[in-house]
C-alpha atoms as a PDB file:
ATOM      1  CA  UNK A   1     -33.794  40.722  30.672  1.00  0.00           C
ATOM      2  CA  UNK A   2     -36.148  39.783  32.953  1.00  0.00           C
ATOM      3  CA  UNK A   3     -34.824  36.288  33.333  1.00  0.00           C
ATOM      4  CA  UNK A   4     -31.364  37.341  34.004  1.00  0.00           C
ATOM      5  CA  UNK A   5     -32.449  39.778  36.438  1.00  0.00           C
ATOM      6  CA  UNK A   6     -34.073  37.418  38.162  1.00  0.00           C
ATOM      7  CA  UNK A   7     -31.074  35.309  38.064  1.00  0.00           C
ATOM      8  CA  UNK A   8     -29.336  38.114  39.387  1.00  0.00           C
ATOM      9  CA  UNK A   9     -31.782  38.254  42.408  1.00  0.00           C
ATOM     10  CA  UNK A  10     -30.984  34.371  43.064  1.00  0.00           C
ATOM     11  CA  UNK A  11     -27.537  34.369  42.774  1.00  0.00           C
ATOM     12  CA  UNK A  12     -27.432  37.540  45.081  1.00  0.00           C
ATOM     13  CA  UNK A  13     -29.890  36.049  48.032  1.00  0.00           C
ATOM     14  CA  UNK A  14     -27.775  32.754  47.681  1.00  0.00           C
ATOM     15  CA  UNK A  15     -24.600  34.565  48.364  1.00  0.00           C
ATOM     16  CA  UNK A  16     -25.872  36.761  51.128  1.00  0.00           C
ATOM     17  CA  UNK A  17     -27.142  33.440  52.898  1.00  0.00           C
ATOM     18  CA  UNK A  18     -23.524  32.674  52.683  1.00  0.00           C
ATOM     19  CA  UNK A  19     -21.536  35.536  53.836  1.00  0.00           C
ATOM     20  CA  UNK A  20     -22.441  38.905  54.921  1.00  0.00           C
ATOM     21  CA  UNK A  21     -23.307  41.305  52.375  1.00  0.00           C
ATOM     22  CA  UNK A  22     -19.936  43.451  52.277  1.00  0.00           C
ATOM     23  CA  UNK A  23     -17.999  40.036  51.734  1.00  0.00           C
ATOM     24  CA  UNK A  24     -20.734  39.326  48.411  1.00  0.00           C
ATOM     25  CA  UNK A  25     -18.931  39.949  45.651  1.00  0.00           C
ATOM     26  CA  UNK A  26     -20.753  41.273  41.872  1.00  0.00           C
ATOM     27  CA  UNK A  27     -18.332  38.947  39.688  1.00  0.00           C
ATOM     28  CA  UNK A  28     -19.530  36.387  41.545  1.00  0.00           C
ATOM     29  CA  UNK A  29     -23.234  37.135  41.614  1.00  0.00           C
ATOM     30  CA  UNK A  30     -22.871  37.455  37.804  1.00  0.00           C
ATOM     31  CA  UNK A  31     -21.036  34.049  37.515  1.00  0.00           C
ATOM     32  CA  UNK A  32     -23.369  31.987  39.759  1.00  0.00           C
ATOM     33  CA  UNK A  33     -26.212  33.455  37.521  1.00  0.00           C
ATOM     34  CA  UNK A  34     -24.791  32.817  34.211  1.00  0.00           C
ATOM     35  CA  UNK A  35     -23.962  36.307  33.209  1.00  0.00           C
ATOM     36  CA  UNK A  36     -21.616  38.582  32.621  1.00  0.00           C
ATOM     37  CA  UNK A  37     -20.617  41.424  34.818  1.00  0.00           C
ATOM     38  CA  UNK A  38     -21.360  44.108  32.415  1.00  0.00           C
ATOM     39  CA  UNK A  39     -25.141  42.739  32.071  1.00  0.00           C
ATOM     40  CA  UNK A  40     -25.529  42.389  35.775  1.00  0.00           C
ATOM     41  CA  UNK A  41     -24.092  46.697  35.960  1.00  0.00           C
ATOM     42  CA  UNK A  42     -26.297  47.235  33.264  1.00  0.00           C
ATOM     43  CA  UNK A  43     -29.666  45.559  35.082  1.00  0.00           C
ATOM     44  CA  UNK A  44     -28.570  47.186  38.599  1.00  0.00           C
ATOM     45  CA  UNK A  45     -26.129  50.076  38.214  1.00  0.00           C
ATOM     46  CA  UNK A  46     -23.769  48.896  40.882  1.00  0.00           C
ATOM     47  CA  UNK A  47     -23.542  46.325  43.989  1.00  0.00           C
ATOM     48  CA  UNK A  48     -26.059  49.559  46.148  1.00  0.00           C
ATOM     49  CA  UNK A  49     -28.244  48.749  43.059  1.00  0.00           C
ATOM     50  CA  UNK A  50     -28.644  45.083  43.421  1.00  0.00           C
ATOM     51  CA  UNK A  51     -29.200  45.704  47.400  1.00  0.00           C
ATOM     52  CA  UNK A  52     -32.262  47.701  46.657  1.00  0.00           C
ATOM     53  CA  UNK A  53     -33.577  45.415  44.342  1.00  0.00           C
ATOM     54  CA  UNK A  54     -33.038  42.374  46.517  1.00  0.00           C
ATOM     55  CA  UNK A  55     -34.612  44.277  49.554  1.00  0.00           C
ATOM     56  CA  UNK A  56     -37.223  45.380  47.469  1.00  0.00           C
ATOM     57  CA  UNK A  57     -37.785  41.131  45.857  1.00  0.00           C
ATOM     58  CA  UNK A  58     -38.118  40.898  49.548  1.00  0.00           C
ATOM     59  CA  UNK A  59     -40.895  43.278  50.503  1.00  0.00           C
ATOM     60  CA  UNK A  60     -43.258  42.577  47.090  1.00  0.00           C
ATOM     61  CA  UNK A  61     -42.706  38.851  48.190  1.00  0.00           C
ATOM     62  CA  UNK A  62     -43.909  39.131  51.722  1.00  0.00           C
ATOM     63  CA  UNK A  63     -46.531  41.841  50.547  1.00  0.00           C
ATOM     64  CA  UNK A  64     -48.048  39.378  48.170  1.00  0.00           C
ATOM     65  CA  UNK A  65     -48.121  36.542  51.471  1.00  0.00           C
ATOM     66  CA  UNK A  66     -49.831  39.219  53.084  1.00  0.00           C
ATOM     67  CA  UNK A  67     -52.623  39.870  50.030  1.00  0.00           C
ATOM     68  CA  UNK A  68     -53.162  36.139  49.579  1.00  0.00           C
ATOM     69  CA  UNK A  69     -53.765  35.300  53.581  1.00  0.00           C
ATOM     70  CA  UNK A  70     -55.826  38.425  53.280  1.00  0.00           C
ATOM     71  CA  UNK A  71     -57.904  37.201  50.387  1.00  0.00           C
ATOM     72  CA  UNK A  72     -58.216  33.375  51.797  1.00  0.00           C
ATOM     73  CA  UNK A  73     -61.434  32.421  53.088  1.00  0.00           C
ATOM     74  CA  UNK A  74     -63.392  33.118  56.285  1.00  0.00           C
ATOM     75  CA  UNK A  75     -64.011  36.265  58.244  1.00  0.00           C
ATOM     76  CA  UNK A  76     -62.026  38.955  59.740  1.00  0.00           C
ATOM     77  CA  UNK A  77     -60.343  36.773  63.007  1.00  0.00           C
ATOM     78  CA  UNK A  78     -59.202  34.072  60.014  1.00  0.00           C
ATOM     79  CA  UNK A  79     -57.605  36.628  58.025  1.00  0.00           C
ATOM     80  CA  UNK A  80     -55.964  38.694  60.348  1.00  0.00           C
ATOM     81  CA  UNK A  81     -54.988  34.953  61.903  1.00  0.00           C
ATOM     82  CA  UNK A  82     -53.803  34.217  58.626  1.00  0.00           C
ATOM     83  CA  UNK A  83     -52.046  37.424  58.411  1.00  0.00           C
ATOM     84  CA  UNK A  84     -49.855  37.057  61.538  1.00  0.00           C
ATOM     85  CA  UNK A  85     -48.784  32.914  60.778  1.00  0.00           C
ATOM     86  CA  UNK A  86     -47.754  34.632  57.358  1.00  0.00           C
ATOM     87  CA  UNK A  87     -45.300  37.435  58.987  1.00  0.00           C
ATOM     88  CA  UNK A  88     -44.187  34.978  61.399  1.00  0.00           C
ATOM     89  CA  UNK A  89     -43.357  32.468  58.869  1.00  0.00           C
ATOM     90  CA  UNK A  90     -41.545  34.858  56.453  1.00  0.00           C
ATOM     91  CA  UNK A  91     -39.817  36.798  59.011  1.00  0.00           C
ATOM     92  CA  UNK A  92     -38.554  33.481  60.325  1.00  0.00           C
ATOM     93  CA  UNK A  93     -37.372  32.365  56.403  1.00  0.00           C
ATOM     94  CA  UNK A  94     -35.762  35.858  55.416  1.00  0.00           C
ATOM     95  CA  UNK A  95     -33.449  38.000  57.026  1.00  0.00           C
ATOM     96  CA  UNK A  96     -34.313  40.952  54.885  1.00  0.00           C
ATOM     97  CA  UNK A  97     -38.018  40.306  55.663  1.00  0.00           C
ATOM     98  CA  UNK A  98     -37.339  40.227  59.354  1.00  0.00           C
ATOM     99  CA  UNK A  99     -35.066  42.963  58.772  1.00  0.00           C
ATOM    100  CA  UNK A 100     -38.015  44.641  56.939  1.00  0.00           C
ATOM    101  CA  UNK A 101     -40.342  44.360  59.564  1.00  0.00           C
ATOM    102  CA  UNK A 102     -38.298  44.918  62.858  1.00  0.00           C
ATOM    103  CA  UNK A 103     -35.774  47.234  61.907  1.00  0.00           C
ATOM    104  CA  UNK A 104     -33.434  45.548  62.692  1.00  0.00           C
ATOM    105  CA  UNK A 105     -30.591  45.431  60.281  1.00  0.00           C
ATOM    106  CA  UNK A 106     -27.022  43.800  60.754  1.00  0.00           C
ATOM    107  CA  UNK A 107     -23.967  44.307  59.067  1.00  0.00           C
ATOM    108  CA  UNK A 108     -24.653  40.859  57.187  1.00  0.00           C
ATOM    109  CA  UNK A 109     -27.567  42.713  55.637  1.00  0.00           C
ATOM    110  CA  UNK A 110     -27.356  44.911  52.788  1.00  0.00           C
ATOM    111  CA  UNK A 111     -27.746  48.517  54.050  1.00  0.00           C
ATOM    112  CA  UNK A 112     -31.426  49.624  54.087  1.00  0.00           C
ATOM    113  CA  UNK A 113     -32.829  51.481  51.716  1.00  0.00           C
ATOM    114  CA  UNK A 114     -32.397  55.149  52.342  1.00  0.00           C
ATOM    115  CA  UNK A 115     -35.700  57.761  51.049  1.00  0.00           C
ATOM    116  CA  UNK A 116     -37.609  56.744  47.916  1.00  0.00           C
ATOM    117  CA  UNK A 117     -36.795  53.710  45.657  1.00  0.00           C
ATOM    118  CA  UNK A 118     -36.364  55.187  41.790  1.00  0.00           C
ATOM    119  CA  UNK A 119     -39.347  54.135  40.090  1.00  0.00           C
END
């Protein structure tokens, strides 16, 4: 199911790039991912679960980039510079990363996560 999960997250991200989250429909996401709507609901439980997973994936991708920047060669200054450059680029490219970093959530995005995420 990992393939279906990633396909669904990709489809949800593509839909979010085209329209506000409130206008994204589960049936569209499932069709774009090439899976049934039931598969989507089995994987995420509903639109809120899909939103949480989409935000989590954006956060995980950002943090992986930070880890890569910190693991790069050079001294502390070079690694700090690499993290700053990565942060600026990631925030520019991804509205979810930008919202996570700034706390500025718009109506176009899924609602920010509340409380601890389910494990």
